[in-house]
Amino acid sequence: MARPRAFDDDKALDAAIDCFWSHGLGATSVRDLAAGMGINGPSLYNAFGDKRTLFVQALERYSERSMRSLIRRLESGRSPGNAIREFFAALIEKSLTDPEHRGCLIVNSALEVSQHDTELKQMIASYLGEIEAFFRRCLERGQNNGEISAKIDARDGARHLLGIVLGIRVAARSRPKRALLEGMVRPALALLDHPTQRRLKNRP
């Protein structure tokens, strides 16, 4: 009969996320992971597989707890335009309140992953694609209800907003200044407003 594990899988994965997030995939050793997760090497391999397999699991958990949970919350209780605005507000706050200025694990990994690792590249591209799809859904719904200007191409607009997400996450690692990050977002958000909505906002 197999003995029960002496550690919590979720807590161990959270510790692995911190290791990869702080040092990156390449610079994080199995010894670093075992120490951070509070388990020995054989237990790590038995529970999670090799380092790359653990990294895949860590990315999935990170994505679920950060990006996906935020998108679900915003889409369930916000208008399309406000969902986009609050997404960026949350992104900026997260970037500014991280004392280590680690950026985003997904974006960091996109910059680090080997061009020869097709599986990881596709996995990371899929996560970024989920953010793009969120923006596109918001733009299309906002255009349908008159909240967002119909002059914007929803596909191109979603890609533009994704580009701003990437820019914020990279810029915040070296220049975590609110004025800088909000300045990156402000012009794009101004383009979203339908002219009628803009007049209503400005009406005394």
N, C-alpha and C. Protein backbone atom coordinates (compact mmCIF):
# COMPACT_ATOMS: atom_id res chain seq x y z
N MET A 1 0.84 -1.19 0.00
CA MET A 1 0.00 0.00 0.00
C MET A 1 0.88 1.25 0.00
N ALA A 2 0.58 2.19 -0.89
CA ALA A 2 1.36 3.42 -0.97
C ALA A 2 1.13 4.28 0.25
N ARG A 3 2.21 4.87 0.75
CA ARG A 3 2.09 5.75 1.91
C ARG A 3 1.52 7.09 1.49
N PRO A 4 0.68 7.71 2.35
CA PRO A 4 0.15 9.03 2.01
C PRO A 4 1.27 10.06 1.95
N ARG A 5 1.09 11.06 1.11
CA ARG A 5 2.10 12.10 0.98
C ARG A 5 2.17 12.93 2.26
N ALA A 6 3.38 13.36 2.56
CA ALA A 6 3.59 14.17 3.77
C ALA A 6 3.56 15.65 3.46
N PHE A 7 3.04 16.02 2.27
CA PHE A 7 2.99 17.43 1.91
C PHE A 7 1.72 17.69 1.10
N ASP A 8 1.33 18.94 1.05
CA ASP A 8 0.14 19.37 0.33
C ASP A 8 0.53 19.74 -1.10
N ASP A 9 -0.10 19.11 -2.08
CA ASP A 9 0.25 19.35 -3.48
C ASP A 9 0.10 20.81 -3.88
N ASP A 10 -1.01 21.42 -3.47
CA ASP A 10 -1.26 22.80 -3.87
C ASP A 10 -0.23 23.75 -3.27
N LYS A 11 0.10 23.56 -2.00
CA LYS A 11 1.11 24.41 -1.37
C LYS A 11 2.48 24.20 -2.01
N ALA A 12 2.76 22.96 -2.35
CA ALA A 12 4.04 22.67 -3.00
C ALA A 12 4.10 23.33 -4.37
N LEU A 13 3.00 23.29 -5.12
CA LEU A 13 2.96 23.93 -6.44
C LEU A 13 3.09 25.45 -6.30
N ASP A 14 2.47 26.02 -5.28
CA ASP A 14 2.60 27.46 -5.06
C ASP A 14 4.05 27.83 -4.79
N ALA A 15 4.74 26.99 -4.03
CA ALA A 15 6.16 27.24 -3.76
C ALA A 15 6.98 27.11 -5.04
N ALA A 16 6.62 26.16 -5.89
CA ALA A 16 7.32 26.01 -7.18
C ALA A 16 7.09 27.23 -8.06
N ILE A 17 5.87 27.76 -8.06
CA ILE A 17 5.58 28.97 -8.81
C ILE A 17 6.50 30.10 -8.36
N ASP A 18 6.66 30.26 -7.05
CA ASP A 18 7.52 31.32 -6.53
C ASP A 18 8.97 31.14 -7.00
N CYS A 19 9.43 29.90 -7.01
CA CYS A 19 10.80 29.64 -7.47
C CYS A 19 10.98 30.01 -8.93
N PHE A 20 10.09 29.50 -9.78
CA PHE A 20 10.19 29.80 -11.21
C PHE A 20 9.98 31.29 -11.48
N TRP A 21 9.08 31.90 -10.75
CA TRP A 21 8.75 33.31 -10.94
C TRP A 21 9.95 34.20 -10.58
N SER A 22 10.65 33.82 -9.54
CA SER A 22 11.77 34.63 -9.07
C SER A 22 13.03 34.45 -9.90
N HIS A 23 13.25 33.22 -10.41
CA HIS A 23 14.53 32.92 -11.04
C HIS A 23 14.42 32.51 -12.51
N GLY A 24 13.23 32.17 -12.98
CA GLY A 24 13.08 31.69 -14.34
C GLY A 24 13.29 30.19 -14.44
N LEU A 25 12.86 29.63 -15.55
CA LEU A 25 12.97 28.19 -15.75
C LEU A 25 14.42 27.73 -15.79
N GLY A 26 15.25 28.41 -16.58
CA GLY A 26 16.62 27.95 -16.76
C GLY A 26 17.45 28.03 -15.51
N ALA A 27 17.29 29.09 -14.72
CA ALA A 27 18.14 29.30 -13.55
C ALA A 27 17.64 28.59 -12.30
N THR A 28 16.47 27.99 -12.35
CA THR A 28 15.93 27.27 -11.20
C THR A 28 16.35 25.81 -11.27
N SER A 29 17.06 25.35 -10.26
CA SER A 29 17.51 23.96 -10.23
C SER A 29 16.50 23.09 -9.48
N VAL A 30 16.62 21.79 -9.65
CA VAL A 30 15.77 20.87 -8.91
C VAL A 30 16.04 21.02 -7.41
N ARG A 31 17.29 21.27 -7.05
CA ARG A 31 17.61 21.49 -5.64
C ARG A 31 16.90 22.73 -5.10
N ASP A 32 16.87 23.80 -5.90
CA ASP A 32 16.14 25.02 -5.49
C ASP A 32 14.66 24.71 -5.28
N LEU A 33 14.10 23.95 -6.21
CA LEU A 33 12.68 23.63 -6.13
C LEU A 33 12.38 22.78 -4.90
N ALA A 34 13.19 21.75 -4.67
CA ALA A 34 12.96 20.88 -3.52
C ALA A 34 13.05 21.67 -2.22
N ALA A 35 14.04 22.56 -2.14
CA ALA A 35 14.19 23.37 -0.92
C ALA A 35 13.01 24.30 -0.74
N GLY A 36 12.59 24.95 -1.82
CA GLY A 36 11.47 25.88 -1.72
C GLY A 36 10.15 25.18 -1.43
N MET A 37 9.99 23.98 -1.96
CA MET A 37 8.74 23.24 -1.77
C MET A 37 8.72 22.45 -0.48
N GLY A 38 9.89 22.36 0.19
CA GLY A 38 9.95 21.64 1.46
C GLY A 38 9.88 20.14 1.33
N ILE A 39 10.36 19.61 0.19
CA ILE A 39 10.35 18.17 -0.01
C ILE A 39 11.71 17.76 -0.57
N ASN A 40 11.97 16.46 -0.56
CA ASN A 40 13.25 16.01 -1.11
C ASN A 40 13.12 15.70 -2.61
N GLY A 41 14.25 15.51 -3.25
CA GLY A 41 14.27 15.30 -4.68
C GLY A 41 13.42 14.12 -5.15
N PRO A 42 13.58 12.93 -4.54
CA PRO A 42 12.76 11.79 -4.97
C PRO A 42 11.26 12.05 -4.84
N SER A 43 10.85 12.72 -3.76
CA SER A 43 9.42 13.02 -3.58
C SER A 43 8.93 13.97 -4.66
N LEU A 44 9.80 14.92 -5.04
CA LEU A 44 9.42 15.87 -6.09
C LEU A 44 9.19 15.12 -7.41
N TYR A 45 10.13 14.25 -7.77
CA TYR A 45 9.99 13.50 -9.03
C TYR A 45 8.77 12.59 -9.00
N ASN A 46 8.53 11.94 -7.86
CA ASN A 46 7.40 11.03 -7.76
C ASN A 46 6.07 11.76 -7.87
N ALA A 47 6.00 12.96 -7.32
CA ALA A 47 4.73 13.69 -7.28
C ALA A 47 4.50 14.52 -8.53
N PHE A 48 5.56 15.11 -9.08
CA PHE A 48 5.37 16.10 -10.15
C PHE A 48 6.16 15.81 -11.43
N GLY A 49 7.04 14.84 -11.41
CA GLY A 49 7.85 14.57 -12.59
C GLY A 49 9.11 15.41 -12.60
N ASP A 50 9.71 15.57 -13.76
CA ASP A 50 10.96 16.32 -13.85
C ASP A 50 10.69 17.82 -13.79
N LYS A 51 11.75 18.63 -13.88
CA LYS A 51 11.62 20.08 -13.72
C LYS A 51 10.70 20.68 -14.76
N ARG A 52 10.84 20.26 -16.00
CA ARG A 52 10.02 20.83 -17.05
C ARG A 52 8.54 20.49 -16.84
N THR A 53 8.26 19.25 -16.44
CA THR A 53 6.88 18.84 -16.18
C THR A 53 6.30 19.65 -15.03
N LEU A 54 7.10 19.88 -14.01
CA LEU A 54 6.65 20.70 -12.87
C LEU A 54 6.40 22.13 -13.33
N PHE A 55 7.24 22.65 -14.20
CA PHE A 55 7.07 24.00 -14.71
C PHE A 55 5.74 24.13 -15.45
N VAL A 56 5.39 23.13 -16.24
CA VAL A 56 4.11 23.14 -16.96
C VAL A 56 2.94 23.19 -15.97
N GLN A 57 3.03 22.40 -14.92
CA GLN A 57 1.98 22.40 -13.90
C GLN A 57 1.92 23.73 -13.17
N ALA A 58 3.08 24.31 -12.89
CA ALA A 58 3.12 25.60 -12.21
C ALA A 58 2.50 26.71 -13.07
N LEU A 59 2.81 26.70 -14.37
CA LEU A 59 2.23 27.68 -15.28
C LEU A 59 0.70 27.56 -15.33
N GLU A 60 0.22 26.33 -15.37
CA GLU A 60 -1.23 26.11 -15.43
C GLU A 60 -1.89 26.63 -14.16
N ARG A 61 -1.33 26.34 -13.01
CA ARG A 61 -1.91 26.81 -11.74
C ARG A 61 -1.84 28.34 -11.66
N TYR A 62 -0.73 28.90 -12.06
CA TYR A 62 -0.58 30.36 -12.05
C TYR A 62 -1.64 31.01 -12.95
N SER A 63 -1.83 30.46 -14.13
CA SER A 63 -2.79 31.01 -15.08
C SER A 63 -4.21 30.93 -14.53
N GLU A 64 -4.54 29.82 -13.92
CA GLU A 64 -5.89 29.64 -13.38
C GLU A 64 -6.16 30.61 -12.23
N ARG A 65 -5.19 30.79 -11.37
CA ARG A 65 -5.40 31.61 -10.17
C ARG A 65 -5.28 33.10 -10.44
N SER A 66 -4.60 33.49 -11.49
CA SER A 66 -4.42 34.91 -11.75
C SER A 66 -5.29 35.37 -12.92
N MET A 67 -4.88 35.01 -14.12
CA MET A 67 -5.54 35.51 -15.31
C MET A 67 -6.98 35.00 -15.45
N ARG A 68 -7.19 33.70 -15.35
CA ARG A 68 -8.53 33.15 -15.62
C ARG A 68 -9.53 33.56 -14.56
N SER A 69 -9.14 33.53 -13.30
CA SER A 69 -10.08 33.91 -12.24
C SER A 69 -10.49 35.37 -12.37
N LEU A 70 -9.55 36.24 -12.75
CA LEU A 70 -9.87 37.65 -12.94
C LEU A 70 -10.83 37.82 -14.11
N ILE A 71 -10.57 37.16 -15.22
CA ILE A 71 -11.43 37.27 -16.39
C ILE A 71 -12.85 36.79 -16.07
N ARG A 72 -12.97 35.68 -15.38
CA ARG A 72 -14.31 35.18 -15.02
C ARG A 72 -15.06 36.19 -14.17
N ARG A 73 -14.37 36.78 -13.20
CA ARG A 73 -15.02 37.74 -12.31
C ARG A 73 -15.47 38.98 -13.08
N LEU A 74 -14.63 39.48 -13.96
CA LEU A 74 -14.96 40.69 -14.69
C LEU A 74 -16.08 40.46 -15.70
N GLU A 75 -16.06 39.33 -16.37
CA GLU A 75 -17.09 39.07 -17.38
C GLU A 75 -18.45 38.77 -16.76
N SER A 76 -18.46 38.34 -15.52
CA SER A 76 -19.73 37.97 -14.90
C SER A 76 -20.43 39.16 -14.25
N GLY A 77 -19.70 40.24 -13.99
CA GLY A 77 -20.34 41.33 -13.26
C GLY A 77 -20.00 42.73 -13.70
N ARG A 78 -19.48 42.90 -14.91
CA ARG A 78 -19.10 44.22 -15.38
C ARG A 78 -19.59 44.43 -16.80
N SER A 79 -19.81 45.69 -17.16
CA SER A 79 -20.09 45.98 -18.56
C SER A 79 -18.82 45.73 -19.35
N PRO A 80 -18.91 45.52 -20.67
CA PRO A 80 -17.70 45.21 -21.44
C PRO A 80 -16.60 46.25 -21.30
N GLY A 81 -16.95 47.53 -21.39
CA GLY A 81 -15.93 48.57 -21.27
C GLY A 81 -15.30 48.59 -19.90
N ASN A 82 -16.13 48.46 -18.86
CA ASN A 82 -15.60 48.47 -17.50
C ASN A 82 -14.78 47.21 -17.21
N ALA A 83 -15.13 46.11 -17.85
CA ALA A 83 -14.34 44.89 -17.67
C ALA A 83 -12.92 45.12 -18.17
N ILE A 84 -12.77 45.76 -19.32
CA ILE A 84 -11.44 46.06 -19.85
C ILE A 84 -10.71 47.03 -18.93
N ARG A 85 -11.40 48.09 -18.51
CA ARG A 85 -10.76 49.08 -17.64
C ARG A 85 -10.29 48.46 -16.33
N GLU A 86 -11.14 47.64 -15.74
CA GLU A 86 -10.79 47.05 -14.45
C GLU A 86 -9.70 45.98 -14.60
N PHE A 87 -9.65 45.34 -15.75
CA PHE A 87 -8.56 44.40 -16.01
C PHE A 87 -7.22 45.14 -15.94
N PHE A 88 -7.15 46.28 -16.61
CA PHE A 88 -5.89 47.03 -16.61
C PHE A 88 -5.62 47.64 -15.23
N ALA A 89 -6.65 48.08 -14.54
CA ALA A 89 -6.44 48.62 -13.19
C ALA A 89 -5.86 47.55 -12.28
N ALA A 90 -6.41 46.32 -12.36
CA ALA A 90 -5.90 45.23 -11.53
C ALA A 90 -4.47 44.87 -11.94
N LEU A 91 -4.20 44.91 -13.23
CA LEU A 91 -2.86 44.58 -13.72
C LEU A 91 -1.83 45.58 -13.20
N ILE A 92 -2.19 46.85 -13.24
CA ILE A 92 -1.27 47.88 -12.77
C ILE A 92 -1.04 47.75 -11.27
N GLU A 93 -2.11 47.52 -10.51
CA GLU A 93 -1.95 47.38 -9.06
C GLU A 93 -1.07 46.19 -8.72
N LYS A 94 -1.28 45.09 -9.42
CA LYS A 94 -0.45 43.90 -9.16
C LYS A 94 1.01 44.17 -9.50
N SER A 95 1.24 44.91 -10.57
CA SER A 95 2.61 45.22 -10.97
C SER A 95 3.30 46.14 -9.96
N LEU A 96 2.54 47.08 -9.40
CA LEU A 96 3.12 48.06 -8.49
C LEU A 96 3.30 47.53 -7.07
N THR A 97 2.46 46.58 -6.67
CA THR A 97 2.50 46.11 -5.29
C THR A 97 3.40 44.89 -5.07
N ASP A 98 3.98 44.36 -6.14
CA ASP A 98 4.92 43.26 -6.00
C ASP A 98 6.27 43.83 -5.56
N PRO A 99 6.70 43.58 -4.33
CA PRO A 99 7.94 44.20 -3.85
C PRO A 99 9.18 43.75 -4.61
N GLU A 100 9.12 42.59 -5.23
CA GLU A 100 10.27 42.08 -5.97
C GLU A 100 10.23 42.45 -7.46
N HIS A 101 9.12 43.07 -7.90
CA HIS A 101 8.97 43.48 -9.30
C HIS A 101 9.31 42.33 -10.26
N ARG A 102 8.62 41.22 -10.04
CA ARG A 102 8.90 40.02 -10.84
C ARG A 102 8.16 40.00 -12.17
N GLY A 103 7.23 40.91 -12.35
CA GLY A 103 6.46 40.89 -13.59
C GLY A 103 5.43 39.77 -13.58
N CYS A 104 5.20 39.19 -14.74
CA CYS A 104 4.22 38.11 -14.91
C CYS A 104 4.96 36.84 -15.30
N LEU A 105 4.63 35.74 -14.64
CA LEU A 105 5.31 34.48 -14.93
C LEU A 105 5.11 34.07 -16.38
N ILE A 106 3.92 34.29 -16.91
CA ILE A 106 3.65 33.90 -18.30
C ILE A 106 4.46 34.74 -19.27
N VAL A 107 4.46 36.05 -19.06
CA VAL A 107 5.20 36.95 -19.95
C VAL A 107 6.70 36.70 -19.81
N ASN A 108 7.17 36.54 -18.59
CA ASN A 108 8.59 36.25 -18.38
C ASN A 108 8.98 34.98 -19.11
N SER A 109 8.12 33.98 -19.04
CA SER A 109 8.42 32.69 -19.67
C SER A 109 8.40 32.82 -21.19
N ALA A 110 7.51 33.67 -21.71
CA ALA A 110 7.48 33.89 -23.16
C ALA A 110 8.79 34.47 -23.65
N LEU A 111 9.43 35.31 -22.83
CA LEU A 111 10.70 35.91 -23.21
C LEU A 111 11.86 34.94 -23.05
N GLU A 112 11.69 33.96 -22.14
CA GLU A 112 12.81 33.08 -21.82
C GLU A 112 12.79 31.76 -22.60
N VAL A 113 11.62 31.23 -22.88
CA VAL A 113 11.52 29.88 -23.39
C VAL A 113 12.28 29.73 -24.71
N SER A 114 12.91 28.60 -24.85
CA SER A 114 13.72 28.32 -26.04
C SER A 114 12.84 28.28 -27.29
N GLN A 115 13.36 28.82 -28.37
CA GLN A 115 12.64 28.78 -29.63
C GLN A 115 12.48 27.35 -30.14
N HIS A 116 13.28 26.45 -29.62
CA HIS A 116 13.21 25.05 -30.06
C HIS A 116 12.20 24.23 -29.26
N ASP A 117 11.68 24.81 -28.17
CA ASP A 117 10.72 24.08 -27.35
C ASP A 117 9.31 24.43 -27.83
N THR A 118 8.90 23.76 -28.88
CA THR A 118 7.62 24.09 -29.52
C THR A 118 6.44 23.91 -28.58
N GLU A 119 6.46 22.88 -27.75
CA GLU A 119 5.33 22.62 -26.86
C GLU A 119 5.14 23.75 -25.86
N LEU A 120 6.23 24.19 -25.24
CA LEU A 120 6.12 25.28 -24.28
C LEU A 120 5.72 26.58 -24.97
N LYS A 121 6.26 26.84 -26.14
CA LYS A 121 5.89 28.04 -26.89
C LYS A 121 4.39 28.06 -27.17
N GLN A 122 3.85 26.92 -27.60
CA GLN A 122 2.43 26.86 -27.90
C GLN A 122 1.59 27.01 -26.64
N MET A 123 2.07 26.45 -25.54
CA MET A 123 1.34 26.55 -24.28
C MET A 123 1.26 28.01 -23.82
N ILE A 124 2.38 28.71 -23.87
CA ILE A 124 2.41 30.11 -23.45
C ILE A 124 1.57 30.96 -24.40
N ALA A 125 1.68 30.68 -25.70
CA ALA A 125 0.87 31.41 -26.68
C ALA A 125 -0.62 31.21 -26.42
N SER A 126 -0.98 30.02 -25.96
CA SER A 126 -2.39 29.74 -25.66
C SER A 126 -2.88 30.57 -24.49
N TYR A 127 -2.04 30.72 -23.46
CA TYR A 127 -2.42 31.55 -22.32
C TYR A 127 -2.61 33.01 -22.74
N LEU A 128 -1.68 33.52 -23.54
CA LEU A 128 -1.81 34.89 -24.03
C LEU A 128 -3.03 35.02 -24.94
N GLY A 129 -3.32 33.95 -25.67
CA GLY A 129 -4.51 33.95 -26.52
C GLY A 129 -5.80 34.05 -25.73
N GLU A 130 -5.81 33.52 -24.51
CA GLU A 130 -6.99 33.64 -23.66
C GLU A 130 -7.25 35.09 -23.28
N ILE A 131 -6.18 35.84 -23.02
CA ILE A 131 -6.33 37.26 -22.70
C ILE A 131 -6.84 38.01 -23.92
N GLU A 132 -6.26 37.72 -25.08
CA GLU A 132 -6.72 38.36 -26.33
C GLU A 132 -8.19 38.05 -26.58
N ALA A 133 -8.59 36.81 -26.35
CA ALA A 133 -9.99 36.42 -26.57
C ALA A 133 -10.93 37.16 -25.62
N PHE A 134 -10.49 37.36 -24.39
CA PHE A 134 -11.27 38.14 -23.42
C PHE A 134 -11.50 39.55 -23.95
N PHE A 135 -10.44 40.20 -24.41
CA PHE A 135 -10.57 41.55 -24.94
C PHE A 135 -11.51 41.57 -26.15
N ARG A 136 -11.37 40.59 -27.02
CA ARG A 136 -12.21 40.58 -28.22
C ARG A 136 -13.68 40.39 -27.85
N ARG A 137 -13.96 39.52 -26.89
CA ARG A 137 -15.36 39.34 -26.45
C ARG A 137 -15.91 40.65 -25.90
N CYS A 138 -15.11 41.32 -25.09
CA CYS A 138 -15.56 42.59 -24.50
C CYS A 138 -15.82 43.63 -25.59
N LEU A 139 -14.91 43.73 -26.54
CA LEU A 139 -15.08 44.71 -27.61
C LEU A 139 -16.34 44.41 -28.43
N GLU A 140 -16.54 43.17 -28.77
CA GLU A 140 -17.71 42.82 -29.59
C GLU A 140 -19.00 43.05 -28.82
N ARG A 141 -19.04 42.69 -27.55
CA ARG A 141 -20.26 42.92 -26.76
C ARG A 141 -20.49 44.41 -26.55
N GLY A 142 -19.40 45.16 -26.33
CA GLY A 142 -19.54 46.60 -26.16
C GLY A 142 -20.01 47.30 -27.41
N GLN A 143 -19.58 46.81 -28.56
CA GLN A 143 -20.03 47.38 -29.82
C GLN A 143 -21.50 47.04 -30.08
N ASN A 144 -21.89 45.85 -29.67
CA ASN A 144 -23.29 45.44 -29.87
C ASN A 144 -24.25 46.24 -29.01
N ASN A 145 -23.82 46.64 -27.81
CA ASN A 145 -24.72 47.40 -26.95
C ASN A 145 -24.49 48.91 -27.02
N GLY A 146 -23.59 49.35 -27.91
CA GLY A 146 -23.37 50.77 -28.11
C GLY A 146 -22.41 51.41 -27.14
N GLU A 147 -21.79 50.63 -26.28
CA GLU A 147 -20.88 51.18 -25.27
C GLU A 147 -19.51 51.51 -25.87
N ILE A 148 -19.09 50.74 -26.86
CA ILE A 148 -17.76 50.87 -27.45
C ILE A 148 -17.90 51.22 -28.92
N SER A 149 -17.05 52.10 -29.39
CA SER A 149 -17.11 52.56 -30.77
C SER A 149 -17.04 51.41 -31.77
N ALA A 150 -17.94 51.43 -32.74
CA ALA A 150 -17.96 50.40 -33.78
C ALA A 150 -16.85 50.60 -34.80
N LYS A 151 -16.14 51.72 -34.72
CA LYS A 151 -15.07 51.98 -35.67
C LYS A 151 -13.85 51.10 -35.40
N ILE A 152 -13.78 50.54 -34.20
CA ILE A 152 -12.64 49.70 -33.83
C ILE A 152 -12.84 48.30 -34.38
N ASP A 153 -11.85 47.76 -35.04
CA ASP A 153 -11.89 46.36 -35.45
C ASP A 153 -11.63 45.52 -34.21
N ALA A 154 -12.58 44.67 -33.84
CA ALA A 154 -12.48 43.95 -32.57
C ALA A 154 -11.25 43.05 -32.51
N ARG A 155 -10.90 42.42 -33.61
CA ARG A 155 -9.74 41.54 -33.62
C ARG A 155 -8.45 42.34 -33.43
N ASP A 156 -8.31 43.42 -34.21
CA ASP A 156 -7.11 44.24 -34.09
C ASP A 156 -7.06 44.94 -32.74
N GLY A 157 -8.22 45.39 -32.27
CA GLY A 157 -8.27 46.06 -30.97
C GLY A 157 -7.84 45.13 -29.84
N ALA A 158 -8.28 43.88 -29.91
CA ALA A 158 -7.90 42.91 -28.88
C ALA A 158 -6.40 42.65 -28.89
N ARG A 159 -5.84 42.58 -30.09
CA ARG A 159 -4.39 42.36 -30.19
C ARG A 159 -3.62 43.58 -29.67
N HIS A 160 -4.15 44.76 -29.95
CA HIS A 160 -3.51 45.98 -29.45
C HIS A 160 -3.53 45.99 -27.92
N LEU A 161 -4.65 45.65 -27.32
CA LEU A 161 -4.75 45.63 -25.86
C LEU A 161 -3.83 44.57 -25.26
N LEU A 162 -3.72 43.44 -25.93
CA LEU A 162 -2.78 42.41 -25.46
C LEU A 162 -1.36 42.95 -25.49
N GLY A 163 -1.03 43.68 -26.54
CA GLY A 163 0.31 44.27 -26.62
C GLY A 163 0.58 45.22 -25.46
N ILE A 164 -0.44 45.95 -25.03
CA ILE A 164 -0.27 46.84 -23.88
C ILE A 164 -0.06 46.04 -22.60
N VAL A 165 -0.77 44.93 -22.47
CA VAL A 165 -0.56 44.05 -21.31
C VAL A 165 0.90 43.61 -21.24
N LEU A 166 1.43 43.16 -22.37
CA LEU A 166 2.82 42.72 -22.41
C LEU A 166 3.76 43.87 -22.07
N GLY A 167 3.47 45.04 -22.62
CA GLY A 167 4.32 46.19 -22.36
C GLY A 167 4.32 46.60 -20.90
N ILE A 168 3.17 46.58 -20.28
CA ILE A 168 3.08 46.94 -18.87
C ILE A 168 3.89 45.97 -18.02
N ARG A 169 3.74 44.69 -18.30
CA ARG A 169 4.43 43.69 -17.48
C ARG A 169 5.94 43.77 -17.62
N VAL A 170 6.41 44.08 -18.81
CA VAL A 170 7.85 44.21 -19.02
C VAL A 170 8.35 45.52 -18.41
N ALA A 171 7.65 46.62 -18.67
CA ALA A 171 8.09 47.93 -18.18
C ALA A 171 8.10 47.97 -16.65
N ALA A 172 7.13 47.32 -16.02
CA ALA A 172 7.02 47.38 -14.56
C ALA A 172 8.17 46.69 -13.85
N ARG A 173 8.88 45.83 -14.54
CA ARG A 173 10.02 45.16 -13.90
C ARG A 173 11.17 46.12 -13.64
N SER A 174 11.36 47.07 -14.52
CA SER A 174 12.49 48.01 -14.37
C SER A 174 12.04 49.42 -13.97
N ARG A 175 10.81 49.79 -14.35
CA ARG A 175 10.31 51.13 -14.01
C ARG A 175 8.89 51.03 -13.45
N PRO A 176 8.76 50.54 -12.23
CA PRO A 176 7.43 50.37 -11.63
C PRO A 176 6.84 51.68 -11.13
N LYS A 177 6.49 52.55 -12.06
CA LYS A 177 5.93 53.85 -11.73
C LYS A 177 4.49 53.93 -12.22
N ARG A 178 3.59 54.36 -11.34
CA ARG A 178 2.18 54.40 -11.71
C ARG A 178 1.93 55.30 -12.92
N ALA A 179 2.57 56.47 -12.93
CA ALA A 179 2.34 57.40 -14.04
C ALA A 179 2.73 56.77 -15.37
N LEU A 180 3.81 56.02 -15.38
CA LEU A 180 4.26 55.37 -16.61
C LEU A 180 3.25 54.33 -17.06
N LEU A 181 2.83 53.45 -16.16
CA LEU A 181 1.94 52.35 -16.53
C LEU A 181 0.56 52.86 -16.91
N GLU A 182 0.03 53.81 -16.16
CA GLU A 182 -1.28 54.35 -16.51
C GLU A 182 -1.21 55.12 -17.81
N GLY A 183 -0.08 55.78 -18.07
CA GLY A 183 0.08 56.49 -19.33
C GLY A 183 0.11 55.56 -20.53
N MET A 184 0.59 54.33 -20.33
CA MET A 184 0.59 53.35 -21.41
C MET A 184 -0.83 52.91 -21.75
N VAL A 185 -1.69 52.88 -20.75
CA VAL A 185 -3.05 52.37 -20.94
C VAL A 185 -4.02 53.44 -21.41
N ARG A 186 -3.84 54.66 -20.93
CA ARG A 186 -4.85 55.71 -21.10
C ARG A 186 -5.24 55.96 -22.57
N PRO A 187 -4.30 56.07 -23.51
CA PRO A 187 -4.72 56.33 -24.89
C PRO A 187 -5.58 55.22 -25.48
N ALA A 188 -5.27 53.99 -25.15
CA ALA A 188 -6.05 52.87 -25.68
C ALA A 188 -7.46 52.88 -25.12
N LEU A 189 -7.60 53.15 -23.83
CA LEU A 189 -8.93 53.17 -23.23
C LEU A 189 -9.77 54.32 -23.78
N ALA A 190 -9.12 55.44 -24.10
CA ALA A 190 -9.85 56.57 -24.66
C ALA A 190 -10.46 56.22 -26.01
N LEU A 191 -9.80 55.35 -26.76
CA LEU A 191 -10.31 54.96 -28.07
C LEU A 191 -11.55 54.09 -27.98
N LEU A 192 -11.77 53.47 -26.82
CA LEU A 192 -12.89 52.55 -26.68
C LEU A 192 -14.23 53.27 -26.59
N ASP A 193 -14.21 54.49 -26.08
CA ASP A 193 -15.46 55.18 -25.80
C ASP A 193 -16.24 55.48 -27.07
N HIS A 194 -17.50 55.12 -27.04
CA HIS A 194 -18.40 55.53 -28.11
C HIS A 194 -18.62 57.03 -27.98
N PRO A 195 -18.67 57.78 -29.08
CA PRO A 195 -18.86 59.24 -28.96
C PRO A 195 -20.05 59.64 -28.11
N THR A 196 -21.15 58.90 -28.20
CA THR A 196 -22.32 59.21 -27.39
C THR A 196 -22.03 59.03 -25.91
N GLN A 197 -21.34 57.93 -25.59
CA GLN A 197 -20.99 57.67 -24.20
C GLN A 197 -20.05 58.75 -23.69
N ARG A 198 -19.14 59.22 -24.54
CA ARG A 198 -18.19 60.25 -24.12
C ARG A 198 -18.93 61.54 -23.79
N ARG A 199 -19.93 61.90 -24.60
CA ARG A 199 -20.70 63.12 -24.35
C ARG A 199 -21.47 63.01 -23.05
N LEU A 200 -22.00 61.83 -22.77
CA LEU A 200 -22.75 61.65 -21.54
C LEU A 200 -21.83 61.79 -20.32
N LYS A 201 -20.60 61.28 -20.43
CA LYS A 201 -19.66 61.38 -19.31
C LYS A 201 -19.28 62.82 -19.04
N ASN A 202 -19.18 63.63 -20.11
CA ASN A 202 -18.72 65.00 -19.98
C ASN A 202 -19.85 65.96 -19.65
N ARG A 203 -21.09 65.50 -19.71
CA ARG A 203 -22.25 66.36 -19.46
C ARG A 203 -22.27 66.76 -17.99
N PRO A 204 -22.46 68.05 -17.65
CA PRO A 204 -22.48 68.48 -16.24
C PRO A 204 -23.72 67.96 -15.51
